Every structure is written in structure tokens, then in C-alpha cells.
Amino acid sequence: PASAAIQRLRQDHRWLERNWRELGPMVDAVANGLHWVDLDALQEASEVFTSLSLDHIALEEGCIYPQVRTRLPDRSTRDLFRDMGLLPPAGVAIPVEGFPG
């Protein structure tokens, strides 16, 4: 059912956020040439984050997005994200990465 999927997606968001708090500083350090990063910890955290992200996206695309498109067929994904407060109002520039087109 959709309600169970929504609950799982909400939990996923909490886990992704928690995992990114651990992973993000390591990624930034590597990107900036710093050498304090434990590469085994980076690999493990990356694998967890990637796995959870892929499962999360599959659930969104397989269950949630089709229902949204069916219920709101005349709305673009960008409009839906904007209405949910995930994008700035129309006419305001947004970063390219991380947002649906």
C-alpha cells in the first residue's frame, strides 16, 4: 500500500541524512586533497549510502511517482516539487545538480 511506502520513504530520508552526515565530510576531505580519511570507512559508508539511495529511488519510481502522475496528470514534476517546497518559486534560479528536470 502507498501509506507503507510513504512511511518507508520518510524513514529512508532520515537514514540517508544520518549517513550523509558521516560520509559528506570524508568526501569533502578527499575532494580537497586531505589525507585524514580512513579509506575503508569511506568505502563502507559509500556502499551503505549508495545501496539505500538506489532502493529509495526504486521505490519512488516504482510506487510513488506513478501514483502522483495518475492523480495529477497535468502537473509537471518540477511543479510538484515546487509546490512541496523542494524548489524555489518560478523565475528563481536553482542549482542544476540534485533537482529533477
N, C-alpha and C. Protein backbone atom coordinates (compact mmCIF):
# COMPACT_ATOMS: atom_id res chain seq x y z
N PRO A 1 0.82 -1.20 0.00
CA PRO A 1 0.00 0.00 0.00
C PRO A 1 0.86 1.26 0.00
N ALA A 2 0.30 2.32 -0.51
CA ALA A 2 1.03 3.58 -0.62
C ALA A 2 1.44 4.12 0.74
N SER A 3 0.59 3.97 1.75
CA SER A 3 0.93 4.52 3.06
C SER A 3 2.18 3.85 3.64
N ALA A 4 2.33 2.56 3.43
CA ALA A 4 3.54 1.87 3.91
C ALA A 4 4.77 2.35 3.13
N ALA A 5 4.59 2.56 1.84
CA ALA A 5 5.71 3.06 1.02
C ALA A 5 6.11 4.46 1.47
N ILE A 6 5.15 5.30 1.75
CA ILE A 6 5.45 6.66 2.21
C ILE A 6 6.18 6.63 3.54
N GLN A 7 5.73 5.78 4.45
CA GLN A 7 6.42 5.66 5.74
C GLN A 7 7.86 5.20 5.55
N ARG A 8 8.06 4.23 4.66
CA ARG A 8 9.41 3.75 4.40
C ARG A 8 10.27 4.84 3.79
N LEU A 9 9.71 5.61 2.85
CA LEU A 9 10.46 6.69 2.22
C LEU A 9 10.86 7.75 3.25
N ARG A 10 9.97 8.04 4.15
CA ARG A 10 10.30 9.01 5.21
C ARG A 10 11.45 8.50 6.08
N GLN A 11 11.39 7.22 6.43
CA GLN A 11 12.47 6.64 7.22
C GLN A 11 13.77 6.64 6.43
N ASP A 12 13.67 6.31 5.14
CA ASP A 12 14.86 6.35 4.28
C ASP A 12 15.51 7.73 4.31
N HIS A 13 14.68 8.77 4.23
CA HIS A 13 15.23 10.13 4.24
C HIS A 13 16.01 10.39 5.53
N ARG A 14 15.50 9.91 6.63
CA ARG A 14 16.21 10.09 7.90
C ARG A 14 17.54 9.32 7.89
N TRP A 15 17.51 8.08 7.37
CA TRP A 15 18.75 7.29 7.31
C TRP A 15 19.74 7.90 6.33
N LEU A 16 19.25 8.37 5.18
CA LEU A 16 20.16 9.00 4.21
C LEU A 16 20.82 10.24 4.80
N GLU A 17 20.03 11.03 5.50
CA GLU A 17 20.58 12.23 6.12
C GLU A 17 21.64 11.87 7.17
N ARG A 18 21.33 10.89 7.99
CA ARG A 18 22.28 10.46 9.03
C ARG A 18 23.56 9.91 8.38
N ASN A 19 23.40 9.08 7.36
CA ASN A 19 24.56 8.51 6.69
C ASN A 19 25.39 9.60 6.01
N TRP A 20 24.73 10.59 5.41
CA TRP A 20 25.46 11.66 4.73
C TRP A 20 26.25 12.51 5.71
N ARG A 21 25.73 12.68 6.93
CA ARG A 21 26.50 13.43 7.94
C ARG A 21 27.84 12.76 8.22
N GLU A 22 27.89 11.45 8.10
CA GLU A 22 29.14 10.72 8.27
C GLU A 22 29.96 10.74 6.99
N LEU A 23 29.32 10.53 5.87
CA LEU A 23 30.00 10.38 4.59
C LEU A 23 30.46 11.72 4.01
N GLY A 24 29.63 12.74 4.12
CA GLY A 24 29.92 14.03 3.48
C GLY A 24 31.28 14.61 3.83
N PRO A 25 31.65 14.70 5.11
CA PRO A 25 32.96 15.26 5.44
C PRO A 25 34.12 14.44 4.85
N MET A 26 33.95 13.13 4.76
CA MET A 26 35.00 12.31 4.16
C MET A 26 35.14 12.60 2.67
N VAL A 27 34.00 12.72 1.99
CA VAL A 27 34.02 13.04 0.55
C VAL A 27 34.65 14.41 0.33
N ASP A 28 34.26 15.39 1.14
CA ASP A 28 34.85 16.73 1.02
C ASP A 28 36.36 16.69 1.25
N ALA A 29 36.80 15.93 2.25
CA ALA A 29 38.23 15.85 2.54
C ALA A 29 38.99 15.26 1.36
N VAL A 30 38.48 14.17 0.80
CA VAL A 30 39.14 13.55 -0.35
C VAL A 30 39.16 14.51 -1.53
N ALA A 31 38.02 15.19 -1.77
CA ALA A 31 37.93 16.13 -2.89
C ALA A 31 38.91 17.29 -2.74
N ASN A 32 39.25 17.62 -1.50
CA ASN A 32 40.17 18.73 -1.24
C ASN A 32 41.60 18.27 -0.98
N GLY A 33 41.88 17.01 -1.26
CA GLY A 33 43.25 16.51 -1.15
C GLY A 33 43.74 16.27 0.27
N LEU A 34 42.83 16.20 1.21
CA LEU A 34 43.23 15.93 2.59
C LEU A 34 43.40 14.43 2.77
N HIS A 35 44.30 14.04 3.65
CA HIS A 35 44.66 12.63 3.75
C HIS A 35 44.26 11.98 5.06
N TRP A 36 43.38 12.58 5.81
CA TRP A 36 42.99 12.02 7.10
C TRP A 36 41.92 10.93 6.99
N VAL A 37 41.37 10.76 5.81
CA VAL A 37 40.23 9.86 5.62
C VAL A 37 40.65 8.40 5.70
N ASP A 38 39.91 7.64 6.48
CA ASP A 38 40.07 6.19 6.54
C ASP A 38 39.35 5.64 5.31
N LEU A 39 40.11 5.13 4.35
CA LEU A 39 39.51 4.71 3.08
C LEU A 39 38.55 3.53 3.24
N ASP A 40 38.80 2.66 4.21
CA ASP A 40 37.88 1.55 4.45
C ASP A 40 36.53 2.08 4.97
N ALA A 41 36.58 3.07 5.86
CA ALA A 41 35.35 3.67 6.38
C ALA A 41 34.62 4.41 5.27
N LEU A 42 35.37 5.10 4.41
CA LEU A 42 34.76 5.80 3.28
C LEU A 42 34.07 4.82 2.34
N GLN A 43 34.72 3.72 2.04
CA GLN A 43 34.12 2.73 1.15
C GLN A 43 32.86 2.14 1.77
N GLU A 44 32.91 1.79 3.04
CA GLU A 44 31.75 1.20 3.70
C GLU A 44 30.58 2.19 3.74
N ALA A 45 30.85 3.42 4.14
CA ALA A 45 29.80 4.43 4.20
C ALA A 45 29.23 4.71 2.82
N SER A 46 30.08 4.72 1.81
CA SER A 46 29.64 4.95 0.43
C SER A 46 28.73 3.82 -0.04
N GLU A 47 29.09 2.60 0.28
CA GLU A 47 28.28 1.45 -0.13
C GLU A 47 26.91 1.49 0.55
N VAL A 48 26.87 1.83 1.82
CA VAL A 48 25.59 1.93 2.54
C VAL A 48 24.73 3.02 1.92
N PHE A 49 25.33 4.20 1.70
CA PHE A 49 24.59 5.32 1.14
C PHE A 49 24.07 5.00 -0.26
N THR A 50 24.92 4.41 -1.08
CA THR A 50 24.53 4.06 -2.45
C THR A 50 23.41 3.04 -2.47
N SER A 51 23.53 2.00 -1.66
CA SER A 51 22.51 0.96 -1.60
C SER A 51 21.16 1.53 -1.15
N LEU A 52 21.18 2.31 -0.09
CA LEU A 52 19.95 2.90 0.41
C LEU A 52 19.36 3.85 -0.61
N SER A 53 20.20 4.65 -1.26
CA SER A 53 19.73 5.59 -2.28
C SER A 53 19.06 4.86 -3.44
N LEU A 54 19.69 3.81 -3.92
CA LEU A 54 19.13 3.06 -5.05
C LEU A 54 17.80 2.40 -4.69
N ASP A 55 17.73 1.82 -3.50
CA ASP A 55 16.46 1.22 -3.05
C ASP A 55 15.37 2.28 -2.92
N HIS A 56 15.76 3.41 -2.37
CA HIS A 56 14.82 4.53 -2.17
C HIS A 56 14.28 5.03 -3.52
N ILE A 57 15.18 5.24 -4.45
CA ILE A 57 14.79 5.73 -5.78
C ILE A 57 13.89 4.71 -6.48
N ALA A 58 14.22 3.44 -6.35
CA ALA A 58 13.40 2.40 -6.98
C ALA A 58 11.98 2.42 -6.42
N LEU A 59 11.85 2.60 -5.11
CA LEU A 59 10.52 2.66 -4.50
C LEU A 59 9.76 3.90 -4.97
N GLU A 60 10.44 5.04 -5.01
CA GLU A 60 9.80 6.27 -5.50
C GLU A 60 9.32 6.09 -6.94
N GLU A 61 10.21 5.61 -7.79
CA GLU A 61 9.88 5.49 -9.21
C GLU A 61 8.89 4.38 -9.49
N GLY A 62 8.92 3.32 -8.71
CA GLY A 62 8.04 2.19 -8.95
C GLY A 62 6.67 2.31 -8.32
N CYS A 63 6.57 3.06 -7.25
CA CYS A 63 5.31 3.10 -6.49
C CYS A 63 4.73 4.51 -6.39
N ILE A 64 5.52 5.44 -5.95
CA ILE A 64 5.02 6.77 -5.63
C ILE A 64 4.81 7.62 -6.88
N TYR A 65 5.83 7.75 -7.72
CA TYR A 65 5.71 8.62 -8.89
C TYR A 65 4.57 8.22 -9.83
N PRO A 66 4.38 6.92 -10.11
CA PRO A 66 3.25 6.57 -10.97
C PRO A 66 1.90 6.99 -10.37
N GLN A 67 1.76 6.88 -9.06
CA GLN A 67 0.50 7.30 -8.43
C GLN A 67 0.31 8.81 -8.53
N VAL A 68 1.41 9.54 -8.34
CA VAL A 68 1.32 11.00 -8.45
C VAL A 68 0.94 11.39 -9.88
N ARG A 69 1.58 10.77 -10.85
CA ARG A 69 1.28 11.09 -12.26
C ARG A 69 -0.17 10.75 -12.62
N THR A 70 -0.69 9.67 -12.05
CA THR A 70 -2.07 9.27 -12.31
C THR A 70 -3.05 10.26 -11.68
N ARG A 71 -2.74 10.67 -10.47
CA ARG A 71 -3.65 11.56 -9.75
C ARG A 71 -3.53 13.01 -10.18
N LEU A 72 -2.36 13.39 -10.66
CA LEU A 72 -2.14 14.77 -11.08
C LEU A 72 -1.49 14.79 -12.46
N PRO A 73 -2.20 14.29 -13.49
CA PRO A 73 -1.59 14.09 -14.80
C PRO A 73 -1.18 15.39 -15.51
N ASP A 74 -1.76 16.51 -15.16
CA ASP A 74 -1.44 17.75 -15.85
C ASP A 74 -0.33 18.54 -15.18
N ARG A 75 0.28 17.99 -14.15
CA ARG A 75 1.31 18.70 -13.41
C ARG A 75 2.69 18.14 -13.79
N SER A 76 3.64 19.01 -14.00
CA SER A 76 5.00 18.54 -14.27
C SER A 76 5.68 18.19 -12.95
N THR A 77 6.70 17.38 -13.03
CA THR A 77 7.46 17.01 -11.83
C THR A 77 8.02 18.26 -11.17
N ARG A 78 8.51 19.19 -11.98
CA ARG A 78 9.06 20.44 -11.44
C ARG A 78 8.00 21.20 -10.66
N ASP A 79 6.77 21.28 -11.20
CA ASP A 79 5.69 21.98 -10.49
C ASP A 79 5.36 21.28 -9.17
N LEU A 80 5.33 19.96 -9.17
CA LEU A 80 5.04 19.22 -7.94
C LEU A 80 6.11 19.47 -6.89
N PHE A 81 7.37 19.42 -7.31
CA PHE A 81 8.45 19.68 -6.36
C PHE A 81 8.38 21.11 -5.85
N ARG A 82 8.05 22.04 -6.70
CA ARG A 82 7.93 23.44 -6.28
C ARG A 82 6.81 23.58 -5.26
N ASP A 83 5.67 22.95 -5.51
CA ASP A 83 4.53 23.03 -4.60
C ASP A 83 4.83 22.39 -3.24
N MET A 84 5.71 21.39 -3.23
CA MET A 84 6.09 20.75 -1.98
C MET A 84 7.17 21.54 -1.24
N GLY A 85 7.61 22.64 -1.83
CA GLY A 85 8.63 23.45 -1.19
C GLY A 85 10.04 22.94 -1.41
N LEU A 86 10.20 22.05 -2.38
CA LEU A 86 11.52 21.49 -2.65
C LEU A 86 12.26 22.26 -3.73
N LEU A 87 11.60 23.20 -4.37
CA LEU A 87 12.21 24.08 -5.36
C LEU A 87 11.77 25.51 -5.07
N PRO A 88 12.59 26.48 -5.43
CA PRO A 88 12.18 27.88 -5.23
C PRO A 88 11.05 28.26 -6.19
N PRO A 89 10.39 29.38 -5.96
CA PRO A 89 9.31 29.81 -6.85
C PRO A 89 9.79 29.97 -8.29
N ALA A 90 8.85 29.90 -9.22
CA ALA A 90 9.17 30.05 -10.65
C ALA A 90 9.92 31.37 -10.85
N GLY A 91 10.91 31.34 -11.73
CA GLY A 91 11.69 32.53 -12.02
C GLY A 91 12.93 32.69 -11.17
N VAL A 92 13.05 31.91 -10.10
CA VAL A 92 14.23 31.97 -9.24
C VAL A 92 15.20 30.89 -9.71
N ALA A 93 16.45 31.28 -9.89
CA ALA A 93 17.46 30.33 -10.38
C ALA A 93 17.67 29.23 -9.35
N ILE A 94 17.87 28.00 -9.85
CA ILE A 94 18.14 26.86 -8.97
C ILE A 94 19.40 26.16 -9.42
N PRO A 95 20.10 25.51 -8.50
CA PRO A 95 21.28 24.74 -8.91
C PRO A 95 20.85 23.57 -9.78
N VAL A 96 21.70 23.17 -10.69
CA VAL A 96 21.37 22.10 -11.62
C VAL A 96 21.36 20.75 -10.93
N GLU A 97 22.41 20.43 -10.16
CA GLU A 97 22.50 19.10 -9.58
C GLU A 97 21.49 18.90 -8.46
N GLY A 98 20.93 17.73 -8.43
CA GLY A 98 20.06 17.37 -7.32
C GLY A 98 18.59 17.66 -7.52
N PHE A 99 18.23 18.28 -8.62
CA PHE A 99 16.81 18.60 -8.83
C PHE A 99 16.33 18.00 -10.14
N PRO A 100 15.07 17.58 -10.15
CA PRO A 100 14.53 16.97 -11.37
C PRO A 100 14.34 18.02 -12.45
N GLY A 101 14.40 17.59 -13.69
CA GLY A 101 14.22 18.50 -14.83
C GLY A 101 12.87 18.41 -15.30
